[in-house]
Protein backbone atom coordinates (compact mmCIF):
# COMPACT_ATOMS: atom_id res chain seq x y z
CA MET A 1 25.50 120.31 -182.22
CA ALA A 2 23.77 123.08 -180.28
CA LEU A 3 22.54 120.53 -177.75
CA ILE A 4 26.18 119.37 -177.08
CA GLY A 5 27.31 122.92 -176.66
CA PHE A 6 24.38 123.78 -174.40
CA THR A 7 25.14 120.59 -172.31
CA ILE A 8 28.80 121.59 -172.04
CA ILE A 9 27.92 125.15 -170.93
CA ILE A 10 25.35 123.90 -168.34
CA GLY A 11 27.84 121.32 -167.10
CA TRP A 12 30.52 124.00 -166.74
CA LEU A 13 28.11 126.32 -164.89
CA VAL A 14 27.09 123.51 -162.48
CA TYR A 15 30.73 122.65 -161.98
CA LYS A 16 31.61 126.21 -161.15
CA PHE A 17 28.60 126.58 -158.83
CA PHE A 18 29.40 123.37 -156.88
CA THR A 19 33.10 124.10 -156.62
CA LYS A 20 33.06 127.82 -155.77
CA TRP A 21 29.72 129.52 -155.29
CA LEU A 22 28.21 126.74 -153.29
CA TRP A 23 30.93 127.13 -150.61
CA TRP A 24 30.37 130.89 -150.60
CA PHE A 25 26.63 130.39 -150.12
CA ILE A 26 27.16 127.83 -147.34
CA GLY A 27 29.75 130.13 -145.60
CA PHE A 28 27.40 133.13 -145.96
CA GLY A 29 24.52 131.07 -144.50
CA ILE A 30 26.63 130.03 -141.52
CA LEU A 31 27.69 133.60 -140.95
CA VAL A 32 24.11 134.91 -141.08
CA ASN A 33 23.03 132.17 -138.64
CA VAL A 34 25.88 132.97 -136.18
CA ILE A 35 24.96 136.72 -136.31
CA ALA A 36 21.28 135.90 -135.79
CA TRP A 37 22.17 133.59 -132.88
CA PHE A 38 24.20 136.31 -131.21
CA GLU A 39 21.41 138.84 -131.70
CA VAL A 40 18.99 136.51 -129.87
CA TYR A 41 21.25 134.73 -127.39
CA GLY A 42 24.17 137.25 -127.17
CA TRP A 43 23.23 138.14 -123.61
CA ALA A 44 23.51 134.48 -122.56
CA ALA A 45 26.90 134.17 -124.21
CA PHE A 46 28.01 137.36 -122.41
CA VAL A 47 26.80 136.08 -119.04
CA LEU A 48 28.39 132.61 -119.54
CA GLY A 49 31.62 134.35 -120.65
CA CYS A 50 31.61 136.44 -117.54
CA PHE A 51 31.07 133.40 -115.32
CA ALA A 52 33.88 131.54 -117.08
CA ILE A 53 36.26 134.45 -116.60
CA ALA A 54 35.22 134.76 -112.92
CA ILE A 55 35.74 131.00 -112.32
CA ALA A 56 39.17 131.05 -114.11
CA LEU A 57 40.35 134.02 -112.06
CA PHE A 58 39.11 132.46 -108.85
CA ALA A 59 40.99 129.22 -109.70
CA LEU A 60 44.10 131.22 -110.48
CA ALA A 61 43.84 133.06 -107.13
CA ILE A 62 43.47 129.77 -105.24
CA ARG A 63 46.49 128.31 -107.07
CA ASN A 64 48.51 131.42 -106.38
CA TYR A 65 47.45 131.29 -102.68
CA HIS A 66 48.55 127.68 -102.37
CA VAL A 67 51.90 128.41 -104.06
CA GLN A 68 52.61 131.36 -101.79
CA HIS A 69 51.43 129.62 -98.58
CA GLN A 70 53.16 126.24 -98.92
CA SER A 71 54.32 124.72 -95.71
CA LYS A 72 58.13 124.73 -95.76
C-alpha cells in the first residue's frame, strides 16, 4: 500500500514539475541567456540599432523630399 501511495506522490510531483516548474526553469534559462548575450554583444546590438535608425530616417527624408518636390 505504501508503494502505491509513494508512486502516486512521485507521479504528482513529476506532473507538477513538468506542467509548471519546467516552464519557469525554461523561461528563466532563456532570460539568463538573453541577459548574458546583451552583456557580451550589447555594443553590437546598439551599433546595429543606430545604423537601422539612421537608415530609416534617411529613407524617410528621401521620401519626404520626393513628396515635396514632385513635378506638377
